[in-house]
Amino acid sequence: HLRNVTLIIGPRPGIKDRDLSTLSMLISQRGIIFLTDTHVSVDPTAEEIAEMTVLAAEEIQRFGIEPKAALLSHSDFGSRDSPGALKMRQAASILARIAPDLQCDGEMHADSALSEHLRQRVYPHSRLKGEANLLVFPNLDSANITLTALRAMMDALHVGPILLGTDKPAHILTPSVTSRGVVNMTALAVVEAAHKAQAIAHLG
């Protein structure tokens, strides 16, 4: 299905096919949290992680929410130098350059992302303030496992996967999607199409 979307609709200008990614939203009594990339990028590079973080942040802003991104790793602000940790550290460095206004930091543990008190104790100079609401993962396995675990443990409503980076709104539904999920994703696509039409009209 993703191949068909890529061939028929294609990526938006400035985005490469391999940079398409997905964003998942979980809504629970605890609040709203976003995860990327939960369905597409198997083992993205640091550059691709930076790109998907920017795309995810833009999408979150459309919901009227200020994105606060945490780049996750088993390393906590330089505590390890494994390939995965170095990749997320490099992605954070790229984001500081290309998206200086985005609240984003890493690499960090998931508990540091969700607790400002803990994060300040480990790294008091973090660019991220408050609790992260966008969790960025180093690969597909970690992202998808976390999504399904949180969804089950929190009895959360899952909205997504939201496909990011396409030239026109398009989303791919998973086999387990409920009727409510179909309605949610259809409504999201309609809103995205309306926003795109308004942007084109404004430019014209």
N, C-alpha and C. Protein backbone atom coordinates (compact mmCIF):
# COMPACT_ATOMS: atom_id res chain seq x y z
N HIS A 1 0.82 -1.21 0.00
CA HIS A 1 0.00 0.00 0.00
C HIS A 1 0.86 1.27 0.00
N LEU A 2 1.91 1.25 0.79
CA LEU A 2 2.79 2.42 0.82
C LEU A 2 3.42 2.66 -0.55
N ARG A 3 3.78 1.58 -1.22
CA ARG A 3 4.35 1.70 -2.57
C ARG A 3 3.37 2.37 -3.50
N ASN A 4 2.08 2.01 -3.41
CA ASN A 4 1.06 2.62 -4.27
C ASN A 4 0.92 4.11 -3.96
N VAL A 5 0.92 4.46 -2.69
CA VAL A 5 0.84 5.88 -2.31
C VAL A 5 2.03 6.64 -2.86
N THR A 6 3.21 6.05 -2.75
CA THR A 6 4.42 6.70 -3.24
C THR A 6 4.37 6.90 -4.75
N LEU A 7 3.89 5.89 -5.48
CA LEU A 7 3.85 5.97 -6.94
C LEU A 7 2.76 6.92 -7.44
N ILE A 8 1.59 6.90 -6.81
CA ILE A 8 0.45 7.67 -7.31
C ILE A 8 0.45 9.10 -6.79
N ILE A 9 0.67 9.27 -5.51
CA ILE A 9 0.63 10.61 -4.90
C ILE A 9 2.02 11.20 -4.79
N GLY A 10 2.95 10.40 -4.31
CA GLY A 10 4.33 10.85 -4.19
C GLY A 10 4.57 11.73 -2.98
N PRO A 11 5.84 11.98 -2.70
CA PRO A 11 6.18 12.85 -1.58
C PRO A 11 5.97 14.31 -1.93
N ARG A 12 5.80 15.13 -0.92
CA ARG A 12 5.67 16.56 -1.16
C ARG A 12 7.04 17.13 -1.53
N PRO A 13 7.07 18.30 -2.16
CA PRO A 13 8.35 18.89 -2.57
C PRO A 13 9.33 18.99 -1.41
N GLY A 14 10.56 18.57 -1.67
CA GLY A 14 11.59 18.62 -0.65
C GLY A 14 11.71 17.37 0.19
N ILE A 15 10.78 16.42 -0.02
CA ILE A 15 10.78 15.17 0.73
C ILE A 15 11.10 14.02 -0.22
N LYS A 16 12.01 13.15 0.16
CA LYS A 16 12.34 11.98 -0.63
C LYS A 16 11.43 10.82 -0.24
N ASP A 17 11.29 9.85 -1.18
CA ASP A 17 10.42 8.70 -0.91
C ASP A 17 10.79 8.03 0.41
N ARG A 18 12.09 7.89 0.65
CA ARG A 18 12.51 7.16 1.85
C ARG A 18 12.26 7.95 3.13
N ASP A 19 11.91 9.23 2.98
CA ASP A 19 11.67 10.07 4.16
C ASP A 19 10.21 10.06 4.61
N LEU A 20 9.33 9.33 3.89
CA LEU A 20 7.96 9.19 4.37
C LEU A 20 7.99 8.44 5.70
N SER A 21 7.14 8.85 6.60
CA SER A 21 7.12 8.25 7.93
C SER A 21 5.71 8.30 8.48
N THR A 22 5.52 7.75 9.66
CA THR A 22 4.19 7.76 10.27
C THR A 22 4.25 8.30 11.69
N LEU A 23 3.11 8.82 12.10
CA LEU A 23 2.93 9.35 13.45
C LEU A 23 1.70 8.68 14.05
N SER A 24 1.84 8.18 15.26
CA SER A 24 0.70 7.59 15.97
C SER A 24 0.37 8.42 17.19
N MET A 25 -0.92 8.63 17.41
CA MET A 25 -1.38 9.39 18.57
C MET A 25 -2.13 8.45 19.52
N LEU A 26 -1.79 8.51 20.79
CA LEU A 26 -2.50 7.75 21.82
C LEU A 26 -3.21 8.72 22.75
N ILE A 27 -4.50 8.49 22.93
CA ILE A 27 -5.31 9.34 23.81
C ILE A 27 -5.80 8.48 24.98
N SER A 28 -5.44 8.88 26.19
CA SER A 28 -5.83 8.14 27.38
C SER A 28 -6.19 9.11 28.49
N GLN A 29 -6.55 8.58 29.63
CA GLN A 29 -6.86 9.44 30.78
C GLN A 29 -5.64 10.24 31.21
N ARG A 30 -4.47 9.74 30.91
CA ARG A 30 -3.23 10.43 31.27
C ARG A 30 -2.98 11.64 30.38
N GLY A 31 -3.57 11.63 29.18
CA GLY A 31 -3.37 12.72 28.24
C GLY A 31 -3.11 12.20 26.84
N ILE A 32 -2.47 13.04 26.02
CA ILE A 32 -2.18 12.70 24.63
C ILE A 32 -0.68 12.59 24.44
N ILE A 33 -0.27 11.53 23.76
CA ILE A 33 1.15 11.37 23.45
C ILE A 33 1.28 10.87 22.01
N PHE A 34 2.32 11.34 21.33
CA PHE A 34 2.58 10.99 19.94
C PHE A 34 3.86 10.17 19.85
N LEU A 35 3.89 9.22 18.90
CA LEU A 35 5.06 8.37 18.70
C LEU A 35 5.40 8.32 17.22
N THR A 36 6.68 8.37 16.89
CA THR A 36 7.14 8.24 15.51
C THR A 36 8.46 7.49 15.48
N ASP A 37 8.75 6.71 14.46
CA ASP A 37 7.91 6.29 13.36
C ASP A 37 7.48 4.87 13.67
N THR A 38 6.19 4.66 13.80
CA THR A 38 5.66 3.39 14.29
C THR A 38 5.38 2.34 13.21
N HIS A 39 5.44 2.73 11.92
CA HIS A 39 4.99 1.78 10.90
C HIS A 39 5.81 1.72 9.61
N VAL A 40 6.72 2.64 9.35
CA VAL A 40 7.35 2.69 8.03
C VAL A 40 8.87 2.51 8.07
N SER A 41 9.57 3.37 8.79
CA SER A 41 11.04 3.42 8.71
C SER A 41 11.67 2.33 9.57
N VAL A 42 12.26 1.34 8.92
CA VAL A 42 12.80 0.18 9.63
C VAL A 42 14.01 0.57 10.48
N ASP A 43 14.98 1.23 9.88
CA ASP A 43 16.19 1.64 10.61
C ASP A 43 16.67 2.97 10.03
N PRO A 44 15.98 4.06 10.34
CA PRO A 44 16.29 5.35 9.72
C PRO A 44 17.65 5.89 10.15
N THR A 45 18.25 6.70 9.27
CA THR A 45 19.50 7.38 9.59
C THR A 45 19.22 8.57 10.50
N ALA A 46 20.28 9.18 11.00
CA ALA A 46 20.11 10.38 11.83
C ALA A 46 19.41 11.48 11.06
N GLU A 47 19.77 11.63 9.78
CA GLU A 47 19.14 12.66 8.95
C GLU A 47 17.65 12.38 8.77
N GLU A 48 17.30 11.12 8.55
CA GLU A 48 15.90 10.75 8.37
C GLU A 48 15.12 10.92 9.67
N ILE A 49 15.73 10.62 10.79
CA ILE A 49 15.07 10.83 12.08
C ILE A 49 14.79 12.30 12.31
N ALA A 50 15.75 13.15 11.96
CA ALA A 50 15.54 14.59 12.09
C ALA A 50 14.39 15.05 11.21
N GLU A 51 14.34 14.55 9.97
CA GLU A 51 13.28 14.93 9.04
C GLU A 51 11.91 14.48 9.56
N MET A 52 11.82 13.24 10.03
CA MET A 52 10.52 12.74 10.50
C MET A 52 10.08 13.48 11.77
N THR A 53 11.02 13.92 12.58
CA THR A 53 10.68 14.69 13.77
C THR A 53 10.07 16.03 13.39
N VAL A 54 10.65 16.69 12.39
CA VAL A 54 10.10 17.96 11.92
C VAL A 54 8.70 17.76 11.34
N LEU A 55 8.52 16.72 10.53
CA LEU A 55 7.20 16.45 9.94
C LEU A 55 6.18 16.13 11.04
N ALA A 56 6.59 15.35 12.02
CA ALA A 56 5.68 15.01 13.12
C ALA A 56 5.31 16.25 13.92
N ALA A 57 6.27 17.11 14.16
CA ALA A 57 6.01 18.34 14.92
C ALA A 57 5.02 19.23 14.17
N GLU A 58 5.16 19.32 12.85
CA GLU A 58 4.23 20.12 12.05
C GLU A 58 2.82 19.56 12.16
N GLU A 59 2.70 18.24 12.13
CA GLU A 59 1.38 17.60 12.23
C GLU A 59 0.77 17.84 13.60
N ILE A 60 1.56 17.76 14.64
CA ILE A 60 1.06 17.99 16.00
C ILE A 60 0.56 19.42 16.15
N GLN A 61 1.25 20.36 15.54
CA GLN A 61 0.82 21.75 15.60
C GLN A 61 -0.56 21.94 14.97
N ARG A 62 -0.88 21.12 13.96
CA ARG A 62 -2.21 21.20 13.33
C ARG A 62 -3.32 20.79 14.29
N PHE A 63 -2.98 20.04 15.32
CA PHE A 63 -3.95 19.67 16.35
C PHE A 63 -4.06 20.77 17.42
N GLY A 64 -3.31 21.84 17.25
CA GLY A 64 -3.33 22.92 18.23
C GLY A 64 -2.51 22.62 19.47
N ILE A 65 -1.54 21.73 19.34
CA ILE A 65 -0.70 21.31 20.46
C ILE A 65 0.74 21.71 20.18
N GLU A 66 1.41 22.25 21.18
CA GLU A 66 2.83 22.58 21.01
C GLU A 66 3.65 21.29 21.11
N PRO A 67 4.39 20.93 20.06
CA PRO A 67 5.18 19.70 20.12
C PRO A 67 6.40 19.85 21.02
N LYS A 68 6.65 18.81 21.80
CA LYS A 68 7.84 18.74 22.65
C LYS A 68 8.46 17.37 22.42
N ALA A 69 9.53 17.34 21.65
CA ALA A 69 10.07 16.08 21.15
C ALA A 69 11.25 15.57 21.97
N ALA A 70 11.23 14.27 22.24
CA ALA A 70 12.33 13.60 22.92
C ALA A 70 12.85 12.49 22.02
N LEU A 71 14.15 12.52 21.73
CA LEU A 71 14.78 11.48 20.94
C LEU A 71 15.27 10.38 21.88
N LEU A 72 14.63 9.22 21.78
CA LEU A 72 14.82 8.17 22.78
C LEU A 72 15.97 7.23 22.45
N SER A 73 16.56 6.71 23.52
CA SER A 73 17.68 5.78 23.38
C SER A 73 17.88 5.06 24.71
N HIS A 74 18.71 4.01 24.70
CA HIS A 74 19.11 3.39 25.97
C HIS A 74 20.19 4.24 26.64
N SER A 75 20.69 5.23 25.92
CA SER A 75 21.67 6.17 26.46
C SER A 75 20.97 7.43 26.94
N ASP A 76 21.45 8.00 28.01
CA ASP A 76 20.82 9.19 28.60
C ASP A 76 21.81 10.36 28.57
N PHE A 77 21.67 11.21 27.54
CA PHE A 77 22.52 12.39 27.39
C PHE A 77 24.01 12.04 27.46
N GLY A 78 24.41 11.10 26.59
CA GLY A 78 25.83 10.79 26.46
C GLY A 78 26.35 9.71 27.37
N SER A 79 25.49 8.99 28.06
CA SER A 79 25.96 7.95 28.98
C SER A 79 26.51 6.72 28.26
N ARG A 80 26.11 6.52 27.00
CA ARG A 80 26.61 5.40 26.19
C ARG A 80 26.98 5.92 24.81
N ASP A 81 27.87 5.16 24.13
CA ASP A 81 28.29 5.54 22.79
C ASP A 81 28.06 4.41 21.79
N SER A 82 26.98 3.68 21.94
CA SER A 82 26.64 2.63 20.99
C SER A 82 26.19 3.27 19.68
N PRO A 83 26.16 2.51 18.58
CA PRO A 83 25.72 3.08 17.29
C PRO A 83 24.35 3.73 17.37
N GLY A 84 23.41 3.09 18.06
CA GLY A 84 22.07 3.67 18.17
C GLY A 84 22.05 4.97 18.94
N ALA A 85 22.83 5.02 20.02
CA ALA A 85 22.89 6.25 20.82
C ALA A 85 23.53 7.38 20.03
N LEU A 86 24.60 7.06 19.31
CA LEU A 86 25.27 8.08 18.50
C LEU A 86 24.36 8.60 17.40
N LYS A 87 23.54 7.70 16.84
CA LYS A 87 22.60 8.11 15.80
C LYS A 87 21.59 9.11 16.34
N MET A 88 21.01 8.82 17.49
CA MET A 88 20.02 9.72 18.06
C MET A 88 20.66 11.04 18.52
N ARG A 89 21.89 10.96 19.01
CA ARG A 89 22.61 12.18 19.41
C ARG A 89 22.86 13.07 18.19
N GLN A 90 23.24 12.44 17.07
CA GLN A 90 23.46 13.20 15.84
C GLN A 90 22.16 13.81 15.35
N ALA A 91 21.06 13.05 15.43
CA ALA A 91 19.76 13.58 15.01
C ALA A 91 19.38 14.80 15.83
N ALA A 92 19.65 14.76 17.14
CA ALA A 92 19.36 15.91 18.00
C ALA A 92 20.18 17.12 17.59
N SER A 93 21.44 16.87 17.21
CA SER A 93 22.30 17.96 16.76
C SER A 93 21.79 18.57 15.47
N ILE A 94 21.33 17.73 14.55
CA ILE A 94 20.77 18.21 13.28
C ILE A 94 19.53 19.04 13.54
N LEU A 95 18.67 18.57 14.43
CA LEU A 95 17.43 19.29 14.73
C LEU A 95 17.70 20.65 15.36
N ALA A 96 18.73 20.73 16.19
CA ALA A 96 19.07 22.01 16.81
C ALA A 96 19.45 23.03 15.74
N ARG A 97 19.98 22.52 14.61
CA ARG A 97 20.38 23.41 13.52
C ARG A 97 19.22 23.75 12.58
N ILE A 98 18.43 22.74 12.19
CA ILE A 98 17.40 22.97 11.17
C ILE A 98 16.06 23.40 11.76
N ALA A 99 15.83 23.14 13.04
CA ALA A 99 14.56 23.51 13.69
C ALA A 99 14.85 24.11 15.06
N PRO A 100 15.53 25.26 15.10
CA PRO A 100 15.95 25.84 16.38
C PRO A 100 14.80 26.24 17.30
N ASP A 101 13.61 26.46 16.73
CA ASP A 101 12.47 26.88 17.55
C ASP A 101 11.70 25.70 18.13
N LEU A 102 12.03 24.48 17.69
CA LEU A 102 11.34 23.29 18.17
C LEU A 102 11.91 22.87 19.53
N GLN A 103 11.02 22.66 20.49
CA GLN A 103 11.46 22.10 21.78
C GLN A 103 11.81 20.64 21.55
N CYS A 104 13.08 20.34 21.57
CA CYS A 104 13.54 18.99 21.23
C CYS A 104 14.89 18.74 21.88
N ASP A 105 15.10 17.52 22.36
CA ASP A 105 16.41 17.19 22.92
C ASP A 105 16.60 15.68 22.90
N GLY A 106 17.82 15.27 23.15
CA GLY A 106 18.17 13.87 23.16
C GLY A 106 19.68 13.71 23.06
N GLU A 107 20.14 12.52 23.09
CA GLU A 107 19.35 11.32 23.29
C GLU A 107 19.04 11.13 24.76
N MET A 108 17.92 10.46 25.05
CA MET A 108 17.53 10.31 26.45
C MET A 108 16.68 9.07 26.67
N HIS A 109 16.63 8.66 27.94
CA HIS A 109 15.75 7.57 28.35
C HIS A 109 14.30 8.02 28.26
N ALA A 110 13.39 7.05 28.16
CA ALA A 110 11.97 7.38 28.10
C ALA A 110 11.49 8.04 29.40
N ASP A 111 12.02 7.61 30.54
CA ASP A 111 11.58 8.23 31.79
C ASP A 111 12.08 9.66 31.91
N SER A 112 13.25 9.95 31.36
CA SER A 112 13.73 11.33 31.33
C SER A 112 12.84 12.20 30.45
N ALA A 113 12.33 11.60 29.36
CA ALA A 113 11.45 12.34 28.46
C ALA A 113 10.15 12.72 29.14
N LEU A 114 9.66 11.86 30.01
CA LEU A 114 8.34 12.05 30.60
C LEU A 114 8.38 12.68 31.99
N SER A 115 9.58 12.97 32.48
CA SER A 115 9.71 13.59 33.80
C SER A 115 10.72 14.73 33.73
N GLU A 116 10.23 15.96 33.81
CA GLU A 116 11.15 17.11 33.77
C GLU A 116 12.07 17.09 34.99
N HIS A 117 11.55 16.67 36.13
CA HIS A 117 12.37 16.62 37.35
C HIS A 117 13.57 15.70 37.16
N LEU A 118 13.32 14.52 36.63
CA LEU A 118 14.40 13.56 36.40
C LEU A 118 15.37 14.08 35.34
N ARG A 119 14.82 14.65 34.27
CA ARG A 119 15.66 15.16 33.18
C ARG A 119 16.56 16.29 33.67
N GLN A 120 16.03 17.18 34.47
CA GLN A 120 16.83 18.29 34.98
C GLN A 120 17.95 17.80 35.90
N ARG A 121 17.71 16.71 36.58
CA ARG A 121 18.74 16.15 37.46
C ARG A 121 19.88 15.54 36.64
N VAL A 122 19.51 14.91 35.51
CA VAL A 122 20.51 14.27 34.66
C VAL A 122 21.21 15.29 33.77
N TYR A 123 20.41 16.21 33.20
CA TYR A 123 20.96 17.18 32.25
C TYR A 123 20.21 18.50 32.41
N PRO A 124 20.66 19.36 33.30
CA PRO A 124 19.92 20.60 33.62
C PRO A 124 19.85 21.62 32.50
N HIS A 125 20.66 21.45 31.45
CA HIS A 125 20.66 22.42 30.36
C HIS A 125 19.81 21.96 29.17
N SER A 126 18.92 21.04 29.38
CA SER A 126 18.09 20.51 28.29
C SER A 126 17.24 21.61 27.65
N ARG A 127 17.11 21.53 26.31
CA ARG A 127 16.25 22.46 25.56
C ARG A 127 14.78 22.15 25.76
N LEU A 128 14.48 20.96 26.25
CA LEU A 128 13.10 20.50 26.41
C LEU A 128 12.57 20.91 27.78
N LYS A 129 11.43 21.56 27.78
CA LYS A 129 10.80 21.99 29.03
C LYS A 129 9.49 21.23 29.24
N GLY A 130 9.24 20.82 30.46
CA GLY A 130 8.01 20.09 30.75
C GLY A 130 8.10 18.65 30.29
N GLU A 131 6.95 18.04 30.11
CA GLU A 131 6.87 16.64 29.72
C GLU A 131 6.82 16.51 28.20
N ALA A 132 7.64 15.65 27.64
CA ALA A 132 7.63 15.43 26.19
C ALA A 132 6.29 14.85 25.77
N ASN A 133 5.78 15.29 24.62
CA ASN A 133 4.56 14.70 24.07
C ASN A 133 4.80 14.05 22.71
N LEU A 134 6.04 14.10 22.22
CA LEU A 134 6.42 13.43 20.97
C LEU A 134 7.64 12.57 21.25
N LEU A 135 7.45 11.27 21.21
CA LEU A 135 8.54 10.32 21.44
C LEU A 135 9.05 9.84 20.09
N VAL A 136 10.34 10.08 19.85
CA VAL A 136 10.97 9.73 18.58
C VAL A 136 11.90 8.54 18.83
N PHE A 137 11.69 7.46 18.07
CA PHE A 137 12.39 6.21 18.32
C PHE A 137 13.50 5.96 17.31
N PRO A 138 14.51 5.17 17.69
CA PRO A 138 15.63 4.93 16.78
C PRO A 138 15.34 3.96 15.64
N ASN A 139 14.31 3.13 15.80
CA ASN A 139 13.98 2.18 14.73
C ASN A 139 12.53 1.73 14.86
N LEU A 140 12.10 0.98 13.85
CA LEU A 140 10.70 0.55 13.78
C LEU A 140 10.33 -0.41 14.91
N ASP A 141 11.23 -1.33 15.23
CA ASP A 141 10.93 -2.30 16.29
C ASP A 141 10.59 -1.60 17.60
N SER A 142 11.46 -0.70 18.04
CA SER A 142 11.23 -0.04 19.33
C SER A 142 9.97 0.80 19.32
N ALA A 143 9.71 1.47 18.19
CA ALA A 143 8.52 2.33 18.11
C ALA A 143 7.23 1.52 18.12
N ASN A 144 7.18 0.46 17.33
CA ASN A 144 5.95 -0.32 17.22
C ASN A 144 5.67 -1.12 18.49
N ILE A 145 6.72 -1.67 19.09
CA ILE A 145 6.55 -2.40 20.34
C ILE A 145 6.01 -1.48 21.43
N THR A 146 6.58 -0.28 21.52
CA THR A 146 6.12 0.68 22.53
C THR A 146 4.68 1.09 22.29
N LEU A 147 4.34 1.34 21.03
CA LEU A 147 2.97 1.73 20.69
C LEU A 147 1.97 0.67 21.14
N THR A 148 2.21 -0.57 20.77
CA THR A 148 1.24 -1.62 21.09
C THR A 148 1.19 -1.89 22.59
N ALA A 149 2.34 -1.80 23.26
CA ALA A 149 2.35 -2.01 24.71
C ALA A 149 1.59 -0.91 25.44
N LEU A 150 1.87 0.34 25.09
CA LEU A 150 1.18 1.46 25.74
C LEU A 150 -0.32 1.42 25.46
N ARG A 151 -0.64 1.09 24.23
CA ARG A 151 -2.07 1.05 23.85
C ARG A 151 -2.82 0.04 24.71
N ALA A 152 -2.22 -1.12 24.94
CA ALA A 152 -2.88 -2.15 25.74
C ALA A 152 -2.87 -1.80 27.22
N MET A 153 -1.76 -1.31 27.74
CA MET A 153 -1.63 -1.02 29.17
C MET A 153 -2.48 0.16 29.61
N MET A 154 -2.59 1.17 28.73
CA MET A 154 -3.30 2.39 29.09
C MET A 154 -4.75 2.39 28.63
N ASP A 155 -5.15 1.30 27.92
CA ASP A 155 -6.49 1.26 27.33
C ASP A 155 -6.73 2.55 26.53
N ALA A 156 -5.75 2.89 25.70
CA ALA A 156 -5.76 4.17 25.00
C ALA A 156 -6.40 4.06 23.62
N LEU A 157 -6.98 5.18 23.19
CA LEU A 157 -7.50 5.29 21.83
C LEU A 157 -6.34 5.61 20.90
N HIS A 158 -6.18 4.80 19.87
CA HIS A 158 -5.09 5.01 18.90
C HIS A 158 -5.64 5.71 17.67
N VAL A 159 -5.06 6.85 17.33
CA VAL A 159 -5.38 7.55 16.09
C VAL A 159 -4.14 7.44 15.21
N GLY A 160 -4.29 6.75 14.09
CA GLY A 160 -3.16 6.56 13.20
C GLY A 160 -3.14 5.16 12.61
N PRO A 161 -2.05 4.83 11.92
CA PRO A 161 -0.88 5.68 11.70
C PRO A 161 -1.17 6.82 10.72
N ILE A 162 -0.68 8.01 11.05
CA ILE A 162 -0.82 9.19 10.21
C ILE A 162 0.40 9.25 9.31
N LEU A 163 0.19 9.12 8.00
CA LEU A 163 1.30 9.13 7.06
C LEU A 163 1.79 10.56 6.84
N LEU A 164 3.09 10.76 6.99
CA LEU A 164 3.69 12.08 6.90
C LEU A 164 4.57 12.20 5.67
N GLY A 165 4.56 13.38 5.05
CA GLY A 165 5.48 13.66 3.96
C GLY A 165 4.92 13.48 2.57
N THR A 166 3.63 13.13 2.44
CA THR A 166 3.04 12.95 1.11
C THR A 166 2.59 14.29 0.53
N ASP A 167 2.48 14.33 -0.80
CA ASP A 167 2.10 15.57 -1.47
C ASP A 167 0.62 15.91 -1.24
N LYS A 168 -0.19 14.87 -1.05
CA LYS A 168 -1.61 15.05 -0.75
C LYS A 168 -1.97 14.14 0.43
N PRO A 169 -3.02 14.47 1.18
CA PRO A 169 -3.39 13.64 2.32
C PRO A 169 -3.68 12.20 1.91
N ALA A 170 -3.02 11.27 2.55
CA ALA A 170 -3.24 9.84 2.30
C ALA A 170 -2.82 9.07 3.54
N HIS A 171 -3.63 8.11 3.92
CA HIS A 171 -3.31 7.32 5.10
C HIS A 171 -3.58 5.85 4.82
N ILE A 172 -2.79 4.99 5.41
CA ILE A 172 -2.91 3.55 5.22
C ILE A 172 -3.43 2.93 6.52
N LEU A 173 -4.58 2.31 6.45
CA LEU A 173 -5.18 1.71 7.64
C LEU A 173 -4.60 0.33 7.90
N THR A 174 -4.41 0.00 9.16
CA THR A 174 -3.90 -1.31 9.53
C THR A 174 -5.05 -2.32 9.57
N PRO A 175 -4.75 -3.62 9.43
CA PRO A 175 -5.81 -4.63 9.44
C PRO A 175 -6.64 -4.63 10.73
N SER A 176 -6.06 -4.18 11.83
CA SER A 176 -6.75 -4.23 13.12
C SER A 176 -7.60 -2.99 13.38
N VAL A 177 -7.69 -2.08 12.41
CA VAL A 177 -8.41 -0.83 12.63
C VAL A 177 -9.89 -1.09 12.92
N THR A 178 -10.46 -0.32 13.84
CA THR A 178 -11.87 -0.43 14.17
C THR A 178 -12.68 0.53 13.29
N SER A 179 -14.01 0.40 13.36
CA SER A 179 -14.85 1.32 12.60
C SER A 179 -14.64 2.76 13.08
N ARG A 180 -14.43 2.92 14.37
CA ARG A 180 -14.15 4.25 14.91
C ARG A 180 -12.83 4.78 14.35
N GLY A 181 -11.85 3.89 14.21
CA GLY A 181 -10.57 4.28 13.64
C GLY A 181 -10.69 4.73 12.21
N VAL A 182 -11.53 4.06 11.43
CA VAL A 182 -11.77 4.46 10.04
C VAL A 182 -12.36 5.86 9.99
N VAL A 183 -13.34 6.11 10.85
CA VAL A 183 -13.98 7.43 10.90
C VAL A 183 -12.95 8.50 11.29
N ASN A 184 -12.13 8.21 12.30
CA ASN A 184 -11.13 9.18 12.75
C ASN A 184 -10.14 9.52 11.64
N MET A 185 -9.64 8.51 10.94
CA MET A 185 -8.64 8.75 9.90
C MET A 185 -9.25 9.44 8.69
N THR A 186 -10.52 9.13 8.39
CA THR A 186 -11.21 9.82 7.29
C THR A 186 -11.38 11.29 7.62
N ALA A 187 -11.80 11.58 8.84
CA ALA A 187 -11.97 12.98 9.26
C ALA A 187 -10.64 13.72 9.22
N LEU A 188 -9.57 13.05 9.64
CA LEU A 188 -8.25 13.67 9.62
C LEU A 188 -7.82 14.00 8.20
N ALA A 189 -8.05 13.08 7.27
CA ALA A 189 -7.69 13.33 5.87
C ALA A 189 -8.47 14.51 5.29
N VAL A 190 -9.75 14.62 5.65
CA VAL A 190 -10.57 15.73 5.17
C VAL A 190 -10.03 17.06 5.69
N VAL A 191 -9.69 17.10 6.98
CA VAL A 191 -9.15 18.34 7.57
C VAL A 191 -7.82 18.70 6.91
N GLU A 192 -6.97 17.71 6.68
CA GLU A 192 -5.68 17.97 6.03
C GLU A 192 -5.88 18.50 4.62
N ALA A 193 -6.83 17.94 3.90
CA ALA A 193 -7.11 18.41 2.54
C ALA A 193 -7.61 19.85 2.55
N ALA A 194 -8.45 20.18 3.53
CA ALA A 194 -8.96 21.55 3.63
C ALA A 194 -7.83 22.53 3.94
N HIS A 195 -6.93 22.15 4.84
CA HIS A 195 -5.78 23.01 5.17
C HIS A 195 -4.90 23.22 3.95
N LYS A 196 -4.68 22.16 3.18
CA LYS A 196 -3.84 22.27 1.99
C LYS A 196 -4.49 23.17 0.96
N ALA A 197 -5.82 23.04 0.78
CA ALA A 197 -6.54 23.89 -0.17
C ALA A 197 -6.46 25.36 0.23
N GLN A 198 -6.58 25.61 1.53
CA GLN A 198 -6.48 26.99 2.02
C GLN A 198 -5.09 27.56 1.78
N ALA A 199 -4.07 26.73 1.98
CA ALA A 199 -2.70 27.18 1.77
C ALA A 199 -2.45 27.51 0.30
N ILE A 200 -2.98 26.68 -0.59
CA ILE A 200 -2.82 26.93 -2.03
C ILE A 200 -3.56 28.20 -2.43
N ALA A 201 -4.77 28.38 -1.90
CA ALA A 201 -5.55 29.58 -2.23
C ALA A 201 -4.84 30.84 -1.73
N HIS A 202 -4.22 30.74 -0.57
CA HIS A 202 -3.50 31.88 0.00
C HIS A 202 -2.31 32.26 -0.86
N LEU A 203 -1.61 31.24 -1.39
CA LEU A 203 -0.47 31.50 -2.26
C LEU A 203 -0.90 32.09 -3.59
N GLY A 204 -2.10 31.67 -4.03
CA GLY A 204 -2.62 32.18 -5.31
C GLY A 204 -3.12 33.60 -5.20
